[in-house]
PDB file of all heavy atoms in Angstrom:
ATOM      1  N   LYS A   1     -57.496 -84.087 151.189  1.00  0.00           N
ATOM      2  CA  LYS A   1     -58.577 -83.315 150.579  1.00  0.00           C
ATOM      3  C   LYS A   1     -58.871 -83.849 149.177  1.00  0.00           C
ATOM      4  O   LYS A   1     -57.960 -84.216 148.448  1.00  0.00           O
ATOM      5  CB  LYS A   1     -58.198 -81.845 150.473  1.00  0.00           C
ATOM      6  CG  LYS A   1     -58.058 -81.139 151.834  1.00  0.00           C
ATOM      7  CD  LYS A   1     -57.695 -79.687 151.657  1.00  0.00           C
ATOM      8  CE  LYS A   1     -57.605 -78.987 153.004  1.00  0.00           C
ATOM      9  NZ  LYS A   1     -57.241 -77.556 152.878  1.00  0.00           N
ATOM     10  N   GLN A   2     -60.155 -83.898 148.847  1.00  0.00           N
ATOM     11  CA  GLN A   2     -60.526 -84.328 147.503  1.00  0.00           C
ATOM     12  C   GLN A   2     -61.511 -83.298 146.917  1.00  0.00           C
ATOM     13  O   GLN A   2     -62.622 -83.124 147.396  1.00  0.00           O
ATOM     14  CB  GLN A   2     -61.172 -85.709 147.529  1.00  0.00           C
ATOM     15  CG  GLN A   2     -61.415 -86.268 146.136  1.00  0.00           C
ATOM     16  CD  GLN A   2     -61.073 -87.754 146.039  1.00  0.00           C
ATOM     17  OE1 GLN A   2     -60.338 -88.273 146.844  1.00  0.00           O
ATOM     18  NE2 GLN A   2     -61.588 -88.408 145.039  1.00  0.00           N
ATOM     19  N   TYR A   3     -61.041 -82.599 145.888  1.00  0.00           N
ATOM     20  CA  TYR A   3     -61.856 -81.598 145.218  1.00  0.00           C
ATOM     21  C   TYR A   3     -62.654 -82.306 144.118  1.00  0.00           C
ATOM     22  O   TYR A   3     -62.086 -82.994 143.275  1.00  0.00           O
ATOM     23  CB  TYR A   3     -60.955 -80.514 144.608  1.00  0.00           C
ATOM     24  CG  TYR A   3     -60.163 -79.760 145.635  1.00  0.00           C
ATOM     25  CD1 TYR A   3     -58.938 -80.246 146.096  1.00  0.00           C
ATOM     26  CD2 TYR A   3     -60.627 -78.560 146.167  1.00  0.00           C
ATOM     27  CE1 TYR A   3     -58.199 -79.561 147.050  1.00  0.00           C
ATOM     28  CE2 TYR A   3     -59.903 -77.868 147.130  1.00  0.00           C
ATOM     29  CZ  TYR A   3     -58.680 -78.380 147.573  1.00  0.00           C
ATOM     30  OH  TYR A   3     -57.961 -77.685 148.519  1.00  0.00           O
ATOM     31  N   VAL A   4     -63.984 -82.127 144.142  1.00  0.00           N
ATOM     32  CA  VAL A   4     -64.848 -82.894 143.230  1.00  0.00           C
ATOM     33  C   VAL A   4     -65.800 -81.953 142.520  1.00  0.00           C
ATOM     34  O   VAL A   4     -66.470 -81.127 143.174  1.00  0.00           O
ATOM     35  CB  VAL A   4     -65.638 -83.971 143.998  1.00  0.00           C
ATOM     36  CG1 VAL A   4     -66.434 -84.841 143.017  1.00  0.00           C
ATOM     37  CG2 VAL A   4     -64.719 -84.842 144.852  1.00  0.00           C
ATOM     38  N   ASP A   5     -65.909 -82.102 141.201  1.00  0.00           N
ATOM     39  CA  ASP A   5     -66.812 -81.223 140.461  1.00  0.00           C
ATOM     40  C   ASP A   5     -68.255 -81.720 140.501  1.00  0.00           C
ATOM     41  O   ASP A   5     -68.536 -82.857 140.894  1.00  0.00           O
ATOM     42  CB  ASP A   5     -66.319 -80.955 139.038  1.00  0.00           C
ATOM     43  CG  ASP A   5     -66.441 -82.152 138.100  1.00  0.00           C
ATOM     44  OD1 ASP A   5     -67.063 -83.151 138.459  1.00  0.00           O
ATOM     45  OD2 ASP A   5     -65.913 -82.048 136.966  1.00  0.00           O
ATOM     46  N   ASN A   6     -69.167 -80.851 140.106  1.00  0.00           N
ATOM     47  CA  ASN A   6     -70.591 -81.150 140.173  1.00  0.00           C
ATOM     48  C   ASN A   6     -70.987 -82.335 139.306  1.00  0.00           C
ATOM     49  O   ASN A   6     -71.870 -83.124 139.647  1.00  0.00           O
ATOM     50  CB  ASN A   6     -71.413 -79.929 139.767  1.00  0.00           C
ATOM     51  CG  ASN A   6     -71.318 -78.799 140.772  1.00  0.00           C
ATOM     52  OD1 ASN A   6     -70.961 -79.016 141.937  1.00  0.00           O
ATOM     53  ND2 ASN A   6     -71.647 -77.587 140.340  1.00  0.00           N
ATOM     54  N   ASP A   7     -70.349 -82.456 138.161  1.00  0.00           N
ATOM     55  CA  ASP A   7     -70.674 -83.525 137.211  1.00  0.00           C
ATOM     56  C   ASP A   7     -70.434 -84.883 137.835  1.00  0.00           C
ATOM     57  O   ASP A   7     -71.271 -85.793 137.746  1.00  0.00           O
ATOM     58  CB  ASP A   7     -69.835 -83.354 135.942  1.00  0.00           C
ATOM     59  CG  ASP A   7     -70.152 -84.420 134.896  1.00  0.00           C
ATOM     60  OD1 ASP A   7     -71.312 -84.494 134.470  1.00  0.00           O
ATOM     61  OD2 ASP A   7     -69.239 -85.171 134.528  1.00  0.00           O
ATOM     62  N   VAL A   8     -69.303 -85.064 138.486  1.00  0.00           N
ATOM     63  CA  VAL A   8     -68.988 -86.338 139.132  1.00  0.00           C
ATOM     64  C   VAL A   8     -69.950 -86.595 140.280  1.00  0.00           C
ATOM     65  O   VAL A   8     -70.462 -87.720 140.460  1.00  0.00           O
ATOM     66  CB  VAL A   8     -67.531 -86.343 139.626  1.00  0.00           C
ATOM     67  CG1 VAL A   8     -67.263 -87.571 140.511  1.00  0.00           C
ATOM     68  CG2 VAL A   8     -66.572 -86.332 138.451  1.00  0.00           C
ATOM     69  N   LEU A   9     -70.248 -85.579 141.066  1.00  0.00           N
ATOM     70  CA  LEU A   9     -71.130 -85.764 142.226  1.00  0.00           C
ATOM     71  C   LEU A   9     -72.528 -86.214 141.804  1.00  0.00           C
ATOM     72  O   LEU A   9     -73.091 -87.138 142.403  1.00  0.00           O
ATOM     73  CB  LEU A   9     -71.235 -84.460 143.016  1.00  0.00           C
ATOM     74  CG  LEU A   9     -70.000 -84.045 143.838  1.00  0.00           C
ATOM     75  CD1 LEU A   9     -70.255 -82.715 144.515  1.00  0.00           C
ATOM     76  CD2 LEU A   9     -69.670 -85.113 144.876  1.00  0.00           C
ATOM     77  N   ILE A  10     -73.097 -85.582 140.799  1.00  0.00           N
ATOM     78  CA  ILE A  10     -74.462 -85.930 140.406  1.00  0.00           C
ATOM     79  C   ILE A  10     -74.508 -87.324 139.796  1.00  0.00           C
ATOM     80  O   ILE A  10     -75.485 -88.086 139.984  1.00  0.00           O
ATOM     81  CB  ILE A  10     -75.064 -84.875 139.443  1.00  0.00           C
ATOM     82  CG1 ILE A  10     -76.585 -85.057 139.309  1.00  0.00           C
ATOM     83  CG2 ILE A  10     -74.400 -84.891 138.092  1.00  0.00           C
ATOM     84  CD1 ILE A  10     -77.374 -84.756 140.570  1.00  0.00           C
ATOM     85  N   LYS A  11     -73.471 -87.719 139.065  1.00  0.00           N
ATOM     86  CA  LYS A  11     -73.439 -89.046 138.489  1.00  0.00           C
ATOM     87  C   LYS A  11     -73.308 -90.122 139.560  1.00  0.00           C
ATOM     88  O   LYS A  11     -73.987 -91.163 139.500  1.00  0.00           O
ATOM     89  CB  LYS A  11     -72.296 -89.171 137.471  1.00  0.00           C
ATOM     90  CG  LYS A  11     -72.582 -88.404 136.184  1.00  0.00           C
ATOM     91  CD  LYS A  11     -71.430 -88.488 135.194  1.00  0.00           C
ATOM     92  CE  LYS A  11     -71.772 -87.733 133.910  1.00  0.00           C
ATOM     93  NZ  LYS A  11     -70.669 -87.766 132.918  1.00  0.00           N
ATOM     94  N   LEU A  12     -72.483 -89.888 140.557  1.00  0.00           N
ATOM     95  CA  LEU A  12     -72.377 -90.837 141.677  1.00  0.00           C
ATOM     96  C   LEU A  12     -73.693 -90.879 142.459  1.00  0.00           C
ATOM     97  O   LEU A  12     -74.113 -91.949 142.908  1.00  0.00           O
ATOM     98  CB  LEU A  12     -71.230 -90.442 142.590  1.00  0.00           C
ATOM     99  CG  LEU A  12     -69.816 -90.619 142.025  1.00  0.00           C
ATOM    100  CD1 LEU A  12     -68.778 -90.060 143.012  1.00  0.00           C
ATOM    101  CD2 LEU A  12     -69.526 -92.100 141.733  1.00  0.00           C
ATOM    102  N   ALA A  13     -74.338 -89.724 142.614  1.00  0.00           N
ATOM    103  CA  ALA A  13     -75.607 -89.688 143.326  1.00  0.00           C
ATOM    104  C   ALA A  13     -76.682 -90.465 142.575  1.00  0.00           C
ATOM    105  O   ALA A  13     -77.518 -91.137 143.190  1.00  0.00           O
ATOM    106  CB  ALA A  13     -76.059 -88.228 143.506  1.00  0.00           C
ATOM    107  N   SER A  14     -76.654 -90.412 141.249  1.00  0.00           N
ATOM    108  CA  SER A  14     -77.663 -91.121 140.466  1.00  0.00           C
ATOM    109  C   SER A  14     -77.588 -92.625 140.671  1.00  0.00           C
ATOM    110  O   SER A  14     -78.607 -93.317 140.639  1.00  0.00           O
ATOM    111  CB  SER A  14     -77.515 -90.783 138.976  1.00  0.00           C
ATOM    112  OG  SER A  14     -76.359 -91.390 138.417  1.00  0.00           O
ATOM    113  N   ALA A  15     -76.386 -93.136 140.905  1.00  0.00           N
ATOM    114  CA  ALA A  15     -76.208 -94.578 141.152  1.00  0.00           C
ATOM    115  C   ALA A  15     -76.168 -94.889 142.642  1.00  0.00           C
ATOM    116  O   ALA A  15     -75.917 -96.051 143.025  1.00  0.00           O
ATOM    117  CB  ALA A  15     -74.906 -95.052 140.497  1.00  0.00           C
ATOM    118  N   ASP A  16     -76.412 -93.883 143.469  1.00  0.00           N
ATOM    119  CA  ASP A  16     -76.375 -94.040 144.928  1.00  0.00           C
ATOM    120  C   ASP A  16     -75.032 -94.632 145.387  1.00  0.00           C
ATOM    121  O   ASP A  16     -74.976 -95.547 146.193  1.00  0.00           O
ATOM    122  CB  ASP A  16     -77.539 -94.932 145.407  1.00  0.00           C
ATOM    123  CG  ASP A  16     -77.820 -94.775 146.895  1.00  0.00           C
ATOM    124  OD1 ASP A  16     -77.242 -93.860 147.522  1.00  0.00           O
ATOM    125  OD2 ASP A  16     -78.615 -95.578 147.436  1.00  0.00           O
ATOM    126  N   LEU A  17     -73.960 -94.057 144.840  1.00  0.00           N
ATOM    127  CA  LEU A  17     -72.618 -94.550 145.143  1.00  0.00           C
ATOM    128  C   LEU A  17     -71.758 -93.531 145.911  1.00  0.00           C
ATOM    129  O   LEU A  17     -70.547 -93.693 146.022  1.00  0.00           O
ATOM    130  CB  LEU A  17     -71.889 -94.930 143.845  1.00  0.00           C
ATOM    131  CG  LEU A  17     -72.371 -96.193 143.137  1.00  0.00           C
ATOM    132  CD1 LEU A  17     -71.709 -96.311 141.773  1.00  0.00           C
ATOM    133  CD2 LEU A  17     -72.093 -97.432 143.974  1.00  0.00           C
ATOM    134  N   LEU A  18     -72.386 -92.495 146.444  1.00  0.00           N
ATOM    135  CA  LEU A  18     -71.618 -91.479 147.148  1.00  0.00           C
ATOM    136  C   LEU A  18     -70.979 -92.017 148.428  1.00  0.00           C
ATOM    137  O   LEU A  18     -69.810 -91.716 148.727  1.00  0.00           O
ATOM    138  CB  LEU A  18     -72.513 -90.271 147.470  1.00  0.00           C
ATOM    139  CG  LEU A  18     -72.850 -89.400 146.257  1.00  0.00           C
ATOM    140  CD1 LEU A  18     -73.981 -88.428 146.598  1.00  0.00           C
ATOM    141  CD2 LEU A  18     -71.623 -88.623 145.789  1.00  0.00           C
ATOM    142  N   SER A  19     -71.710 -92.831 149.177  1.00  0.00           N
ATOM    143  CA  SER A  19     -71.127 -93.428 150.387  1.00  0.00           C
ATOM    144  C   SER A  19     -70.001 -94.380 150.032  1.00  0.00           C
ATOM    145  O   SER A  19     -68.957 -94.420 150.703  1.00  0.00           O
ATOM    146  CB  SER A  19     -72.207 -94.163 151.190  1.00  0.00           C
ATOM    147  OG  SER A  19     -73.174 -93.273 151.684  1.00  0.00           O
ATOM    148  N   ASP A  20     -70.190 -95.133 148.954  1.00  0.00           N
ATOM    149  CA  ASP A  20     -69.142 -96.051 148.485  1.00  0.00           C
ATOM    150  C   ASP A  20     -67.900 -95.274 148.049  1.00  0.00           C
ATOM    151  O   ASP A  20     -66.770 -95.740 148.233  1.00  0.00           O
ATOM    152  CB  ASP A  20     -69.665 -96.883 147.308  1.00  0.00           C
ATOM    153  CG  ASP A  20     -70.864 -97.727 147.673  1.00  0.00           C
ATOM    154  OD1 ASP A  20     -71.979 -97.190 147.661  1.00  0.00           O
ATOM    155  OD2 ASP A  20     -70.685 -98.907 147.992  1.00  0.00           O
ATOM    156  N   PHE A  21     -68.124 -94.096 147.475  1.00  0.00           N
ATOM    157  CA  PHE A  21     -67.028 -93.234 147.058  1.00  0.00           C
ATOM    158  C   PHE A  21     -66.158 -92.843 148.248  1.00  0.00           C
ATOM    159  O   PHE A  21     -64.919 -92.905 148.187  1.00  0.00           O
ATOM    160  CB  PHE A  21     -67.608 -91.987 146.383  1.00  0.00           C
ATOM    161  CG  PHE A  21     -66.635 -90.899 146.103  1.00  0.00           C
ATOM    162  CD1 PHE A  21     -65.685 -91.030 145.102  1.00  0.00           C
ATOM    163  CD2 PHE A  21     -66.664 -89.707 146.836  1.00  0.00           C
ATOM    164  CE1 PHE A  21     -64.765 -90.005 144.841  1.00  0.00           C
ATOM    165  CE2 PHE A  21     -65.771 -88.694 146.577  1.00  0.00           C
ATOM    166  CZ  PHE A  21     -64.808 -88.839 145.586  1.00  0.00           C
ATOM    167  N   LEU A  22     -66.801 -92.471 149.347  1.00  0.00           N
ATOM    168  CA  LEU A  22     -66.054 -92.105 150.551  1.00  0.00           C
ATOM    169  C   LEU A  22     -65.227 -93.279 151.067  1.00  0.00           C
ATOM    170  O   LEU A  22     -64.046 -93.129 151.407  1.00  0.00           O
ATOM    171  CB  LEU A  22     -67.017 -91.631 151.634  1.00  0.00           C
ATOM    172  CG  LEU A  22     -67.816 -90.367 151.361  1.00  0.00           C
ATOM    173  CD1 LEU A  22     -68.781 -90.081 152.499  1.00  0.00           C
ATOM    174  CD2 LEU A  22     -66.891 -89.171 151.139  1.00  0.00           C
ATOM    175  N   VAL A  23     -65.846 -94.446 151.098  1.00  0.00           N
ATOM    176  CA  VAL A  23     -65.157 -95.639 151.596  1.00  0.00           C
ATOM    177  C   VAL A  23     -63.997 -96.015 150.664  1.00  0.00           C
ATOM    178  O   VAL A  23     -62.894 -96.352 151.120  1.00  0.00           O
ATOM    179  CB  VAL A  23     -66.138 -96.818 151.708  1.00  0.00           C
ATOM    180  CG1 VAL A  23     -65.395 -98.108 152.071  1.00  0.00           C
ATOM    181  CG2 VAL A  23     -67.194 -96.521 152.768  1.00  0.00           C
ATOM    182  N   ALA A  24     -64.244 -95.951 149.376  1.00  0.00           N
ATOM    183  CA  ALA A  24     -63.230 -96.352 148.383  1.00  0.00           C
ATOM    184  C   ALA A  24     -61.965 -95.522 148.487  1.00  0.00           C
ATOM    185  O   ALA A  24     -60.859 -96.010 148.209  1.00  0.00           O
ATOM    186  CB  ALA A  24     -63.805 -96.279 146.992  1.00  0.00           C
TER     187      ALA A  24
END
């Protein structure tokens, strides 16, 4: 499980790195 706050999510979304985050 990975608990993630809103700040990190929106920043990753801005760089379109959310899918990369899952893979990483």
